[in-house]
């Protein structure tokens, strides 16, 4: 499919380069990557505009080795426990279930 559609091939190359930047923590490459505004890929323009809205935070996320993945996992688990109790869980019951799980 990529060989028959040059636009799709260009889009796939840009997505791969962003993934590479994400995996290798190379946030300093982000401004060059955002220059895709010059390329005629309208699907990436909104994504790039969203990155530009908070460029320092995105650059830090792509550069620093620290992340909040563990915290987000715990928050997700607590929300799941609360959903299992149909939102009727008070703080004390939710605390006991969280600590015992």
PDB file of N, CA and C in Angstrom:
ATOM      1  N   UNK A   1       0.818  -1.193   0.000  1.00  0.00           N
ATOM      2  CA  UNK A   1       0.000   0.000   0.000  1.00  0.00           C
ATOM      3  C   UNK A   1       0.863   1.259   0.000  1.00  0.00           C
ATOM      4  N   UNK A   2       1.957   1.217   0.758  1.00  0.00           N
ATOM      5  CA  UNK A   2       2.807   2.399   0.828  1.00  0.00           C
ATOM      6  C   UNK A   2       3.450   2.712  -0.521  1.00  0.00           C
ATOM      7  N   UNK A   3       3.732   1.691  -1.285  1.00  0.00           N
ATOM      8  CA  UNK A   3       4.363   1.914  -2.591  1.00  0.00           C
ATOM      9  C   UNK A   3       3.404   2.585  -3.568  1.00  0.00           C
ATOM     10  N   UNK A   4       2.114   2.362  -3.400  1.00  0.00           N
ATOM     11  CA  UNK A   4       1.120   2.903  -4.330  1.00  0.00           C
ATOM     12  C   UNK A   4       0.582   4.263  -3.909  1.00  0.00           C
ATOM     13  N   UNK A   5       0.834   4.688  -2.687  1.00  0.00           N
ATOM     14  CA  UNK A   5       0.298   5.963  -2.202  1.00  0.00           C
ATOM     15  C   UNK A   5       1.426   6.772  -1.559  1.00  0.00           C
ATOM     16  N   UNK A   6       1.961   7.741  -2.279  1.00  0.00           N
ATOM     17  CA  UNK A   6       3.082   8.514  -1.741  1.00  0.00           C
ATOM     18  C   UNK A   6       2.706   9.316  -0.489  1.00  0.00           C
ATOM     19  N   UNK A   7       1.471   9.788  -0.406  1.00  0.00           N
ATOM     20  CA  UNK A   7       1.042  10.547   0.782  1.00  0.00           C
ATOM     21  C   UNK A   7       1.031   9.648   2.022  1.00  0.00           C
ATOM     22  N   UNK A   8       0.541   8.426   1.861  1.00  0.00           N
ATOM     23  CA  UNK A   8       0.523   7.483   2.965  1.00  0.00           C
ATOM     24  C   UNK A   8       1.951   7.082   3.366  1.00  0.00           C
ATOM     25  N   UNK A   9       2.819   6.959   2.397  1.00  0.00           N
ATOM     26  CA  UNK A   9       4.214   6.630   2.669  1.00  0.00           C
ATOM     27  C   UNK A   9       4.885   7.759   3.464  1.00  0.00           C
ATOM     28  N   UNK A  10       4.635   9.011   3.070  1.00  0.00           N
ATOM     29  CA  UNK A  10       5.203  10.148   3.796  1.00  0.00           C
ATOM     30  C   UNK A  10       4.654  10.213   5.217  1.00  0.00           C
ATOM     31  N   UNK A  11       3.358   9.951   5.370  1.00  0.00           N
ATOM     32  CA  UNK A  11       2.746   9.948   6.692  1.00  0.00           C
ATOM     33  C   UNK A  11       3.364   8.864   7.567  1.00  0.00           C
ATOM     34  N   UNK A  12       3.565   7.677   7.015  1.00  0.00           N
ATOM     35  CA  UNK A  12       4.167   6.577   7.769  1.00  0.00           C
ATOM     36  C   UNK A  12       5.597   6.918   8.179  1.00  0.00           C
ATOM     37  N   UNK A  13       6.338   7.583   7.314  1.00  0.00           N
ATOM     38  CA  UNK A  13       7.714   7.984   7.654  1.00  0.00           C
ATOM     39  C   UNK A  13       7.725   8.979   8.804  1.00  0.00           C
ATOM     40  N   UNK A  14       6.805   9.953   8.786  1.00  0.00           N
ATOM     41  CA  UNK A  14       6.733  10.932   9.867  1.00  0.00           C
ATOM     42  C   UNK A  14       6.326  10.284  11.188  1.00  0.00           C
ATOM     43  N   UNK A  15       5.396   9.364  11.132  1.00  0.00           N
ATOM     44  CA  UNK A  15       4.963   8.678  12.355  1.00  0.00           C
ATOM     45  C   UNK A  15       6.092   7.822  12.911  1.00  0.00           C
ATOM     46  N   UNK A  16       6.816   7.136  12.040  1.00  0.00           N
ATOM     47  CA  UNK A  16       7.964   6.336  12.491  1.00  0.00           C
ATOM     48  C   UNK A  16       9.045   7.205  13.127  1.00  0.00           C
ATOM     49  N   UNK A  17       9.301   8.360  12.533  1.00  0.00           N
ATOM     50  CA  UNK A  17      10.335   9.240  13.098  1.00  0.00           C
ATOM     51  C   UNK A  17       9.899   9.782  14.458  1.00  0.00           C
ATOM     52  N   UNK A  18       8.591  10.066  14.636  1.00  0.00           N
ATOM     53  CA  UNK A  18       8.109  10.508  15.947  1.00  0.00           C
ATOM     54  C   UNK A  18       8.237   9.379  16.965  1.00  0.00           C
ATOM     55  N   UNK A  19       7.908   8.168  16.573  1.00  0.00           N
ATOM     56  CA  UNK A  19       8.036   7.020  17.473  1.00  0.00           C
ATOM     57  C   UNK A  19       9.496   6.804  17.855  1.00  0.00           C
ATOM     58  N   UNK A  20      10.400   6.960  16.908  1.00  0.00           N
ATOM     59  CA  UNK A  20      11.824   6.822  17.187  1.00  0.00           C
ATOM     60  C   UNK A  20      12.282   7.888  18.180  1.00  0.00           C
ATOM     61  N   UNK A  21      11.799   9.109  17.983  1.00  0.00           N
ATOM     62  CA  UNK A  21      12.132  10.196  18.893  1.00  0.00           C
ATOM     63  C   UNK A  21      11.596   9.912  20.299  1.00  0.00           C
ATOM     64  N   UNK A  22      10.428   9.319  20.376  1.00  0.00           N
ATOM     65  CA  UNK A  22       9.815   8.980  21.656  1.00  0.00           C
ATOM     66  C   UNK A  22      10.582   7.865  22.358  1.00  0.00           C
ATOM     67  N   UNK A  23      10.956   6.842  21.638  1.00  0.00           N
ATOM     68  CA  UNK A  23      11.661   5.704  22.224  1.00  0.00           C
ATOM     69  C   UNK A  23      13.071   6.082  22.671  1.00  0.00           C
ATOM     70  N   UNK A  24      13.761   6.862  21.862  1.00  0.00           N
ATOM     71  CA  UNK A  24      15.155   7.214  22.163  1.00  0.00           C
ATOM     72  C   UNK A  24      15.298   8.466  23.033  1.00  0.00           C
ATOM     73  N   UNK A  25      14.168   9.051  23.463  1.00  0.00           N
ATOM     74  CA  UNK A  25      14.166  10.262  24.288  1.00  0.00           C
ATOM     75  C   UNK A  25      14.990  11.377  23.657  1.00  0.00           C
ATOM     76  N   UNK A  26      14.638  11.721  22.421  1.00  0.00           N
ATOM     77  CA  UNK A  26      15.348  12.761  21.692  1.00  0.00           C
ATOM     78  C   UNK A  26      14.435  13.962  21.459  1.00  0.00           C
ATOM     79  N   UNK A  27      14.025  14.602  22.547  1.00  0.00           N
ATOM     80  CA  UNK A  27      13.111  15.736  22.469  1.00  0.00           C
ATOM     81  C   UNK A  27      13.684  16.939  21.749  1.00  0.00           C
ATOM     82  N   UNK A  28      14.997  17.022  21.674  1.00  0.00           N
ATOM     83  CA  UNK A  28      15.602  18.163  20.975  1.00  0.00           C
ATOM     84  C   UNK A  28      15.304  18.137  19.474  1.00  0.00           C
ATOM     85  N   UNK A  29      14.896  16.996  18.947  1.00  0.00           N
ATOM     86  CA  UNK A  29      14.529  16.886  17.531  1.00  0.00           C
ATOM     87  C   UNK A  29      13.106  17.329  17.258  1.00  0.00           C
ATOM     88  N   UNK A  30      12.334  17.614  18.293  1.00  0.00           N
ATOM     89  CA  UNK A  30      10.913  17.934  18.123  1.00  0.00           C
ATOM     90  C   UNK A  30      10.658  19.154  17.245  1.00  0.00           C
ATOM     91  N   UNK A  31      11.371  20.277  17.414  1.00  0.00           N
ATOM     92  CA  UNK A  31      11.091  21.425  16.526  1.00  0.00           C
ATOM     93  C   UNK A  31      11.268  21.103  15.049  1.00  0.00           C
ATOM     94  N   UNK A  32      12.287  20.296  14.707  1.00  0.00           N
ATOM     95  CA  UNK A  32      12.447  19.928  13.294  1.00  0.00           C
ATOM     96  C   UNK A  32      11.298  19.033  12.845  1.00  0.00           C
ATOM     97  N   UNK A  33      10.850  18.156  13.735  1.00  0.00           N
ATOM     98  CA  UNK A  33       9.762  17.257  13.370  1.00  0.00           C
ATOM     99  C   UNK A  33       8.473  18.041  13.169  1.00  0.00           C
ATOM    100  N   UNK A  34       8.262  19.065  13.969  1.00  0.00           N
ATOM    101  CA  UNK A  34       7.033  19.853  13.857  1.00  0.00           C
ATOM    102  C   UNK A  34       7.010  20.646  12.565  1.00  0.00           C
ATOM    103  N   UNK A  35       8.135  20.813  11.919  1.00  0.00           N
ATOM    104  CA  UNK A  35       8.172  21.519  10.639  1.00  0.00           C
ATOM    105  C   UNK A  35       7.428  20.776   9.546  1.00  0.00           C
ATOM    106  N   UNK A  36       6.695  19.747   9.894  1.00  0.00           N
ATOM    107  CA  UNK A  36       5.882  19.041   8.908  1.00  0.00           C
ATOM    108  C   UNK A  36       4.734  19.916   8.425  1.00  0.00           C
ATOM    109  N   UNK A  37       4.555  21.096   9.047  1.00  0.00           N
ATOM    110  CA  UNK A  37       3.529  22.017   8.575  1.00  0.00           C
ATOM    111  C   UNK A  37       3.794  22.377   7.106  1.00  0.00           C
ATOM    112  N   UNK A  38       5.078  22.385   6.727  1.00  0.00           N
ATOM    113  CA  UNK A  38       5.427  22.695   5.344  1.00  0.00           C
ATOM    114  C   UNK A  38       5.064  21.549   4.409  1.00  0.00           C
ATOM    115  N   UNK A  39       5.023  20.346   4.932  1.00  0.00           N
ATOM    116  CA  UNK A  39       4.687  19.175   4.127  1.00  0.00           C
ATOM    117  C   UNK A  39       3.168  19.113   3.991  1.00  0.00           C
ATOM    118  N   UNK A  40       2.694  18.657   2.893  1.00  0.00           N
ATOM    119  CA  UNK A  40       1.257  18.606   2.647  1.00  0.00           C
ATOM    120  C   UNK A  40       0.658  17.334   3.256  1.00  0.00           C
ATOM    121  N   UNK A  41       0.634  17.283   4.583  1.00  0.00           N
ATOM    122  CA  UNK A  41       0.020  16.166   5.304  1.00  0.00           C
ATOM    123  C   UNK A  41      -0.999  16.739   6.294  1.00  0.00           C
ATOM    124  N   UNK A  42      -2.206  17.005   5.839  1.00  0.00           N
ATOM    125  CA  UNK A  42      -3.188  17.682   6.703  1.00  0.00           C
ATOM    126  C   UNK A  42      -3.557  16.892   7.955  1.00  0.00           C
ATOM    127  N   UNK A  43      -3.424  15.584   7.932  1.00  0.00           N
ATOM    128  CA  UNK A  43      -3.766  14.787   9.111  1.00  0.00           C
ATOM    129  C   UNK A  43      -2.809  15.044  10.270  1.00  0.00           C
ATOM    130  N   UNK A  44      -1.579  15.404   9.974  1.00  0.00           N
ATOM    131  CA  UNK A  44      -0.603  15.668  11.023  1.00  0.00           C
ATOM    132  C   UNK A  44      -0.599  17.130  11.471  1.00  0.00           C
ATOM    133  N   UNK A  45      -1.249  18.017  10.733  1.00  0.00           N
ATOM    134  CA  UNK A  45      -1.229  19.430  11.085  1.00  0.00           C
ATOM    135  C   UNK A  45      -1.896  19.671  12.437  1.00  0.00           C
ATOM    136  N   UNK A  46      -3.049  19.037  12.694  1.00  0.00           N
ATOM    137  CA  UNK A  46      -3.723  19.212  13.986  1.00  0.00           C
ATOM    138  C   UNK A  46      -2.885  18.651  15.121  1.00  0.00           C
ATOM    139  N   UNK A  47      -2.257  17.505  14.902  1.00  0.00           N
ATOM    140  CA  UNK A  47      -1.405  16.907  15.918  1.00  0.00           C
ATOM    141  C   UNK A  47      -0.232  17.819  16.234  1.00  0.00           C
ATOM    142  N   UNK A  48       0.402  18.354  15.196  1.00  0.00           N
ATOM    143  CA  UNK A  48       1.542  19.253  15.392  1.00  0.00           C
ATOM    144  C   UNK A  48       1.107  20.538  16.091  1.00  0.00           C
ATOM    145  N   UNK A  49      -0.079  21.052  15.750  1.00  0.00           N
ATOM    146  CA  UNK A  49      -0.578  22.264  16.412  1.00  0.00           C
ATOM    147  C   UNK A  49      -0.815  21.997  17.893  1.00  0.00           C
ATOM    148  N   UNK A  50      -1.304  20.808  18.237  1.00  0.00           N
ATOM    149  CA  UNK A  50      -1.494  20.445  19.640  1.00  0.00           C
ATOM    150  C   UNK A  50      -0.172  20.356  20.377  1.00  0.00           C
ATOM    151  N   UNK A  51       0.853  19.862  19.722  1.00  0.00           N
ATOM    152  CA  UNK A  51       2.182  19.802  20.341  1.00  0.00           C
ATOM    153  C   UNK A  51       2.731  21.206  20.584  1.00  0.00           C
ATOM    154  N   UNK A  52       2.474  22.102  19.657  1.00  0.00           N
ATOM    155  CA  UNK A  52       2.980  23.466  19.791  1.00  0.00           C
ATOM    156  C   UNK A  52       2.318  24.223  20.934  1.00  0.00           C
ATOM    157  N   UNK A  53       1.073  23.858  21.272  1.00  0.00           N
ATOM    158  CA  UNK A  53       0.368  24.557  22.353  1.00  0.00           C
ATOM    159  C   UNK A  53       1.101  24.436  23.680  1.00  0.00           C
ATOM    160  N   UNK A  54       1.753  23.307  23.912  1.00  0.00           N
ATOM    161  CA  UNK A  54       2.481  23.117  25.163  1.00  0.00           C
ATOM    162  C   UNK A  54       3.854  22.521  24.853  1.00  0.00           C
ATOM    163  N   UNK A  55       4.581  23.211  24.039  1.00  0.00           N
ATOM    164  CA  UNK A  55       5.867  22.712  23.551  1.00  0.00           C
ATOM    165  C   UNK A  55       6.870  22.408  24.664  1.00  0.00           C
ATOM    166  N   UNK A  56       7.011  23.241  25.696  1.00  0.00           N
ATOM    167  CA  UNK A  56       7.987  22.897  26.751  1.00  0.00           C
ATOM    168  C   UNK A  56       7.654  21.579  27.461  1.00  0.00           C
ATOM    169  N   UNK A  57       6.377  21.329  27.735  1.00  0.00           N
ATOM    170  CA  UNK A  57       6.003  20.086  28.414  1.00  0.00           C
ATOM    171  C   UNK A  57       6.238  18.881  27.514  1.00  0.00           C
ATOM    172  N   UNK A  58       5.910  19.013  26.244  1.00  0.00           N
ATOM    173  CA  UNK A  58       6.108  17.894  25.309  1.00  0.00           C
ATOM    174  C   UNK A  58       7.596  17.616  25.129  1.00  0.00           C
ATOM    175  N   UNK A  59       8.389  18.664  25.026  1.00  0.00           N
ATOM    176  CA  UNK A  59       9.838  18.490  24.884  1.00  0.00           C
ATOM    177  C   UNK A  59      10.412  17.803  26.123  1.00  0.00           C
ATOM    178  N   UNK A  60       9.953  18.219  27.306  1.00  0.00           N
ATOM    179  CA  UNK A  60      10.427  17.578  28.536  1.00  0.00           C
ATOM    180  C   UNK A  60      10.020  16.110  28.569  1.00  0.00           C
ATOM    181  N   UNK A  61       8.797  15.806  28.140  1.00  0.00           N
ATOM    182  CA  UNK A  61       8.338  14.415  28.139  1.00  0.00           C
ATOM    183  C   UNK A  61       9.149  13.560  27.178  1.00  0.00           C
ATOM    184  N   UNK A  62       9.582  14.153  26.073  1.00  0.00           N
ATOM    185  CA  UNK A  62      10.367  13.404  25.087  1.00  0.00           C
ATOM    186  C   UNK A  62      11.857  13.385  25.405  1.00  0.00           C
ATOM    187  N   UNK A  63      12.280  14.141  26.420  1.00  0.00           N
ATOM    188  CA  UNK A  63      13.699  14.236  26.727  1.00  0.00           C
ATOM    189  C   UNK A  63      14.064  13.549  28.037  1.00  0.00           C
ATOM    190  N   UNK A  64      13.258  13.771  29.059  1.00  0.00           N
ATOM    191  CA  UNK A  64      13.586  13.270  30.393  1.00  0.00           C
ATOM    192  C   UNK A  64      13.219  11.804  30.538  1.00  0.00           C
ATOM    193  N   UNK A  65      13.955  11.115  31.393  1.00  0.00           N
ATOM    194  CA  UNK A  65      13.705   9.686  31.581  1.00  0.00           C
ATOM    195  C   UNK A  65      12.576   9.422  32.576  1.00  0.00           C
ATOM    196  N   UNK A  66      12.174  10.437  33.333  1.00  0.00           N
ATOM    197  CA  UNK A  66      11.128  10.233  34.336  1.00  0.00           C
ATOM    198  C   UNK A  66       9.761  10.374  33.689  1.00  0.00           C
ATOM    199  N   UNK A  67       8.821   9.564  34.173  1.00  0.00           N
ATOM    200  CA  UNK A  67       7.447   9.687  33.696  1.00  0.00           C
ATOM    201  C   UNK A  67       6.498   9.327  34.823  1.00  0.00           C
ATOM    202  N   UNK A  68       5.242   9.559  34.613  1.00  0.00           N
ATOM    203  CA  UNK A  68       4.238   9.304  35.642  1.00  0.00           C
ATOM    204  C   UNK A  68       3.451   8.036  35.336  1.00  0.00           C
ATOM    205  N   UNK A  69       4.050   7.119  34.612  1.00  0.00           N
ATOM    206  CA  UNK A  69       3.357   5.890  34.231  1.00  0.00           C
ATOM    207  C   UNK A  69       2.904   5.053  35.409  1.00  0.00           C
ATOM    208  N   UNK A  70       3.735   4.923  36.433  1.00  0.00           N
ATOM    209  CA  UNK A  70       3.357   4.127  37.608  1.00  0.00           C
ATOM    210  C   UNK A  70       2.206   4.774  38.354  1.00  0.00           C
ATOM    211  N   UNK A  71       2.247   6.083  38.487  1.00  0.00           N
ATOM    212  CA  UNK A  71       1.169   6.796  39.175  1.00  0.00           C
ATOM    213  C   UNK A  71      -0.133   6.648  38.400  1.00  0.00           C
ATOM    214  N   UNK A  72      -0.064   6.806  37.084  1.00  0.00           N
ATOM    215  CA  UNK A  72      -1.264   6.663  36.258  1.00  0.00           C
ATOM    216  C   UNK A  72      -1.845   5.251  36.367  1.00  0.00           C
ATOM    217  N   UNK A  73      -0.982   4.265  36.489  1.00  0.00           N
ATOM    218  CA  UNK A  73      -1.460   2.896  36.658  1.00  0.00           C
ATOM    219  C   UNK A  73      -2.220   2.716  37.954  1.00  0.00           C
ATOM    220  N   UNK A  74      -1.715   3.309  39.043  1.00  0.00           N
ATOM    221  CA  UNK A  74      -2.411   3.214  40.321  1.00  0.00           C
ATOM    222  C   UNK A  74      -3.736   3.963  40.285  1.00  0.00           C
ATOM    223  N   UNK A  75      -3.755   5.139  39.669  1.00  0.00           N
ATOM    224  CA  UNK A  75      -4.997   5.901  39.554  1.00  0.00           C
ATOM    225  C   UNK A  75      -6.024   5.112  38.751  1.00  0.00           C
ATOM    226  N   UNK A  76      -5.593   4.473  37.685  1.00  0.00           N
ATOM    227  CA  UNK A  76      -6.488   3.664  36.867  1.00  0.00           C
ATOM    228  C   UNK A  76      -7.053   2.495  37.674  1.00  0.00           C
ATOM    229  N   UNK A  77      -6.207   1.870  38.485  1.00  0.00           N
ATOM    230  CA  UNK A  77      -6.664   0.743  39.316  1.00  0.00           C
ATOM    231  C   UNK A  77      -7.690   1.211  40.343  1.00  0.00           C
ATOM    232  N   UNK A  78      -7.453   2.346  40.977  1.00  0.00           N
ATOM    233  CA  UNK A  78      -8.398   2.870  41.973  1.00  0.00           C
ATOM    234  C   UNK A  78      -9.723   3.233  41.311  1.00  0.00           C
ATOM    235  N   UNK A  79      -9.679   3.835  40.143  1.00  0.00           N
ATOM    236  CA  UNK A  79     -10.917   4.156  39.434  1.00  0.00           C
ATOM    237  C   UNK A  79     -11.683   2.901  39.080  1.00  0.00           C
ATOM    238  N   UNK A  80     -10.974   1.825  38.703  1.00  0.00           N
ATOM    239  CA  UNK A  80     -11.637   0.566  38.396  1.00  0.00           C
ATOM    240  C   UNK A  80     -12.329   0.012  39.638  1.00  0.00           C
ATOM    241  N   UNK A  81     -11.650   0.078  40.783  1.00  0.00           N
ATOM    242  CA  UNK A  81     -12.263  -0.391  42.026  1.00  0.00           C
ATOM    243  C   UNK A  81     -13.523   0.412  42.349  1.00  0.00           C
ATOM    244  N   UNK A  82     -13.459   1.694  42.145  1.00  0.00           N
ATOM    245  CA  UNK A  82     -14.616   2.544  42.422  1.00  0.00           C
ATOM    246  C   UNK A  82     -15.765   2.225  41.463  1.00  0.00           C
ATOM    247  N   UNK A  83     -15.447   1.987  40.192  1.00  0.00           N
ATOM    248  CA  UNK A  83     -16.496   1.614  39.226  1.00  0.00           C
ATOM    249  C   UNK A  83     -17.130   0.288  39.591  1.00  0.00           C
ATOM    250  N   UNK A  84     -16.337  -0.641  40.115  1.00  0.00           N
ATOM    251  CA  UNK A  84     -16.887  -1.939  40.504  1.00  0.00           C
ATOM    252  C   UNK A  84     -17.911  -1.792  41.627  1.00  0.00           C
ATOM    253  N   UNK A  85     -17.774  -0.743  42.418  1.00  0.00           N
ATOM    254  CA  UNK A  85     -18.709  -0.523  43.518  1.00  0.00           C
ATOM    255  C   UNK A  85     -19.785   0.479  43.121  1.00  0.00           C
ATOM    256  N   UNK A  86     -19.945   0.706  41.812  1.00  0.00           N
ATOM    257  CA  UNK A  86     -20.994   1.550  41.246  1.00  0.00           C
ATOM    258  C   UNK A  86     -20.986   2.968  41.816  1.00  0.00           C
ATOM    259  N   UNK A  87     -19.816   3.498  42.154  1.00  0.00           N
ATOM    260  CA  UNK A  87     -19.689   4.863  42.620  1.00  0.00           C
ATOM    261  C   UNK A  87     -20.182   5.102  44.036  1.00  0.00           C
ATOM    262  N   UNK A  88     -20.591   4.057  44.738  1.00  0.00           N
ATOM    263  CA  UNK A  88     -21.126   4.228  46.092  1.00  0.00           C
ATOM    264  C   UNK A  88     -20.057   4.123  47.163  1.00  0.00           C
ATOM    265  N   UNK A  89     -18.840   3.926  46.769  1.00  0.00           N
ATOM    266  CA  UNK A  89     -17.776   3.725  47.747  1.00  0.00           C
ATOM    267  C   UNK A  89     -17.395   5.049  48.379  1.00  0.00           C
ATOM    268  N   UNK A  90     -17.433   5.089  49.687  1.00  0.00           N
ATOM    269  CA  UNK A  90     -16.911   6.242  50.407  1.00  0.00           C
ATOM    270  C   UNK A  90     -15.403   6.122  50.504  1.00  0.00           C
ATOM    271  N   UNK A  91     -14.782   7.128  51.074  1.00  0.00           N
ATOM    272  CA  UNK A  91     -13.336   7.146  51.142  1.00  0.00           C
ATOM    273  C   UNK A  91     -12.793   5.966  51.943  1.00  0.00           C
ATOM    274  N   UNK A  92     -13.421   5.643  53.085  1.00  0.00           N
ATOM    275  CA  UNK A  92     -12.893   4.591  53.960  1.00  0.00           C
ATOM    276  C   UNK A  92     -12.965   3.210  53.307  1.00  0.00           C
ATOM    277  N   UNK A  93     -14.104   2.907  52.655  1.00  0.00           N
ATOM    278  CA  UNK A  93     -14.227   1.615  51.971  1.00  0.00           C
ATOM    279  C   UNK A  93     -13.264   1.536  50.789  1.00  0.00           C
ATOM    280  N   UNK A  94     -13.182   2.603  50.042  1.00  0.00           N
ATOM    281  CA  UNK A  94     -12.262   2.624  48.897  1.00  0.00           C
ATOM    282  C   UNK A  94     -10.813   2.475  49.370  1.00  0.00           C
ATOM    283  N   UNK A  95     -10.464   3.079  50.487  1.00  0.00           N
ATOM    284  CA  UNK A  95      -9.114   2.961  51.040  1.00  0.00           C
ATOM    285  C   UNK A  95      -8.822   1.513  51.431  1.00  0.00           C
ATOM    286  N   UNK A  96      -9.777   0.855  52.075  1.00  0.00           N
ATOM    287  CA  UNK A  96      -9.572  -0.543  52.479  1.00  0.00           C
ATOM    288  C   UNK A  96      -9.420  -1.447  51.266  1.00  0.00           C
ATOM    289  N   UNK A  97     -10.269  -1.251  50.262  1.00  0.00           N
ATOM    290  CA  UNK A  97     -10.157  -2.080  49.056  1.00  0.00           C
ATOM    291  C   UNK A  97      -8.858  -1.844  48.333  1.00  0.00           C
ATOM    292  N   UNK A  98      -8.405  -0.593  48.298  1.00  0.00           N
ATOM    293  CA  UNK A  98      -7.156  -0.264  47.617  1.00  0.00           C
ATOM    294  C   UNK A  98      -5.971  -0.907  48.323  1.00  0.00           C
ATOM    295  N   UNK A  99      -5.961  -0.831  49.648  1.00  0.00           N
ATOM    296  CA  UNK A  99      -4.835  -1.386  50.393  1.00  0.00           C
ATOM    297  C   UNK A  99      -4.834  -2.909  50.394  1.00  0.00           C
ATOM    298  N   UNK A 100      -6.010  -3.526  50.305  1.00  0.00           N
ATOM    299  CA  UNK A 100      -6.081  -4.981  50.326  1.00  0.00           C
ATOM    300  C   UNK A 100      -5.921  -5.623  48.954  1.00  0.00           C
ATOM    301  N   UNK A 101      -6.022  -4.831  47.924  1.00  0.00           N
ATOM    302  CA  UNK A 101      -5.919  -5.374  46.567  1.00  0.00           C
ATOM    303  C   UNK A 101      -4.484  -5.421  46.117  1.00  0.00           C
TER     304      UNK A 101
END
